[in-house]
């Protein structure tokens, strides 16, 4: 997953995301 701030924000909105 890219570490772009905008992408990270979208990832943060997905609790089921592998990044979280």
PDB file of N, CA and C in Angstrom:
ATOM      1  N   UNK A   1       0.844  -1.212   0.000  1.00  0.00           N
ATOM      2  CA  UNK A   1       0.000   0.000   0.000  1.00  0.00           C
ATOM      3  C   UNK A   1       0.873   1.254   0.000  1.00  0.00           C
ATOM      4  N   UNK A   2       0.515   2.227  -0.828  1.00  0.00           N
ATOM      5  CA  UNK A   2       1.259   3.494  -0.867  1.00  0.00           C
ATOM      6  C   UNK A   2       1.164   4.233   0.462  1.00  0.00           C
ATOM      7  N   UNK A   3       2.172   4.992   0.775  1.00  0.00           N
ATOM      8  CA  UNK A   3       2.177   5.744   2.030  1.00  0.00           C
ATOM      9  C   UNK A   3       1.741   7.185   1.820  1.00  0.00           C
ATOM     10  N   UNK A   4       1.040   7.431   0.717  1.00  0.00           N
ATOM     11  CA  UNK A   4       0.566   8.786   0.450  1.00  0.00           C
ATOM     12  C   UNK A   4      -0.454   9.194   1.519  1.00  0.00           C
ATOM     13  N   UNK A   5      -0.358  10.420   2.023  1.00  0.00           N
ATOM     14  CA  UNK A   5      -1.248  10.914   3.081  1.00  0.00           C
ATOM     15  C   UNK A   5      -2.718  10.703   2.739  1.00  0.00           C
ATOM     16  N   UNK A   6      -3.080  10.972   1.512  1.00  0.00           N
ATOM     17  CA  UNK A   6      -4.486  10.824   1.110  1.00  0.00           C
ATOM     18  C   UNK A   6      -4.910   9.352   1.163  1.00  0.00           C
ATOM     19  N   UNK A   7      -4.002   8.485   0.722  1.00  0.00           N
ATOM     20  CA  UNK A   7      -4.309   7.060   0.734  1.00  0.00           C
ATOM     21  C   UNK A   7      -4.409   6.556   2.164  1.00  0.00           C
ATOM     22  N   UNK A   8      -3.506   7.051   3.018  1.00  0.00           N
ATOM     23  CA  UNK A   8      -3.516   6.642   4.422  1.00  0.00           C
ATOM     24  C   UNK A   8      -4.826   7.047   5.080  1.00  0.00           C
ATOM     25  N   UNK A   9      -5.363   8.194   4.664  1.00  0.00           N
ATOM     26  CA  UNK A   9      -6.641   8.658   5.215  1.00  0.00           C
ATOM     27  C   UNK A   9      -7.754   7.687   4.810  1.00  0.00           C
ATOM     28  N   UNK A  10      -7.717   7.252   3.568  1.00  0.00           N
ATOM     29  CA  UNK A  10      -8.727   6.306   3.108  1.00  0.00           C
ATOM     30  C   UNK A  10      -8.589   4.981   3.843  1.00  0.00           C
ATOM     31  N   UNK A  11      -7.352   4.565   4.069  1.00  0.00           N
ATOM     32  CA  UNK A  11      -7.100   3.326   4.798  1.00  0.00           C
ATOM     33  C   UNK A  11      -7.640   3.431   6.220  1.00  0.00           C
ATOM     34  N   UNK A  12      -7.470   4.591   6.836  1.00  0.00           N
ATOM     35  CA  UNK A  12      -7.924   4.795   8.207  1.00  0.00           C
ATOM     36  C   UNK A  12      -9.440   4.666   8.305  1.00  0.00           C
ATOM     37  N   UNK A  13     -10.133   4.916   7.194  1.00  0.00           N
ATOM     38  CA  UNK A  13     -11.597   4.819   7.195  1.00  0.00           C
ATOM     39  C   UNK A  13     -12.063   3.367   7.056  1.00  0.00           C
ATOM     40  N   UNK A  14     -11.101   2.457   6.804  1.00  0.00           N
ATOM     41  CA  UNK A  14     -11.441   1.042   6.665  1.00  0.00           C
ATOM     42  C   UNK A  14     -10.864   0.244   7.829  1.00  0.00           C
ATOM     43  N   UNK A  15     -11.660   0.014   8.858  1.00  0.00           N
ATOM     44  CA  UNK A  15     -11.203  -0.725  10.046  1.00  0.00           C
ATOM     45  C   UNK A  15     -10.759  -2.142   9.689  1.00  0.00           C
ATOM     46  N   UNK A  16     -11.335  -2.703   8.626  1.00  0.00           N
ATOM     47  CA  UNK A  16     -11.000  -4.066   8.237  1.00  0.00           C
ATOM     48  C   UNK A  16      -9.775  -4.110   7.316  1.00  0.00           C
ATOM     49  N   UNK A  17      -9.170  -2.940   7.131  1.00  0.00           N
ATOM     50  CA  UNK A  17      -8.004  -2.868   6.263  1.00  0.00           C
ATOM     51  C   UNK A  17      -6.808  -3.598   6.890  1.00  0.00           C
ATOM     52  N   UNK A  18      -6.001  -4.282   6.072  1.00  0.00           N
ATOM     53  CA  UNK A  18      -4.806  -4.987   6.558  1.00  0.00           C
ATOM     54  C   UNK A  18      -3.778  -4.041   7.171  1.00  0.00           C
ATOM     55  N   UNK A  19      -3.873  -2.781   6.832  1.00  0.00           N
ATOM     56  CA  UNK A  19      -2.919  -1.795   7.360  1.00  0.00           C
ATOM     57  C   UNK A  19      -3.239  -1.443   8.809  1.00  0.00           C
ATOM     58  N   UNK A  20      -4.504  -1.620   9.187  1.00  0.00           N
ATOM     59  CA  UNK A  20      -4.905  -1.254  10.555  1.00  0.00           C
ATOM     60  C   UNK A  20      -4.727  -2.442  11.466  1.00  0.00           C
TER      61      UNK A  20
END
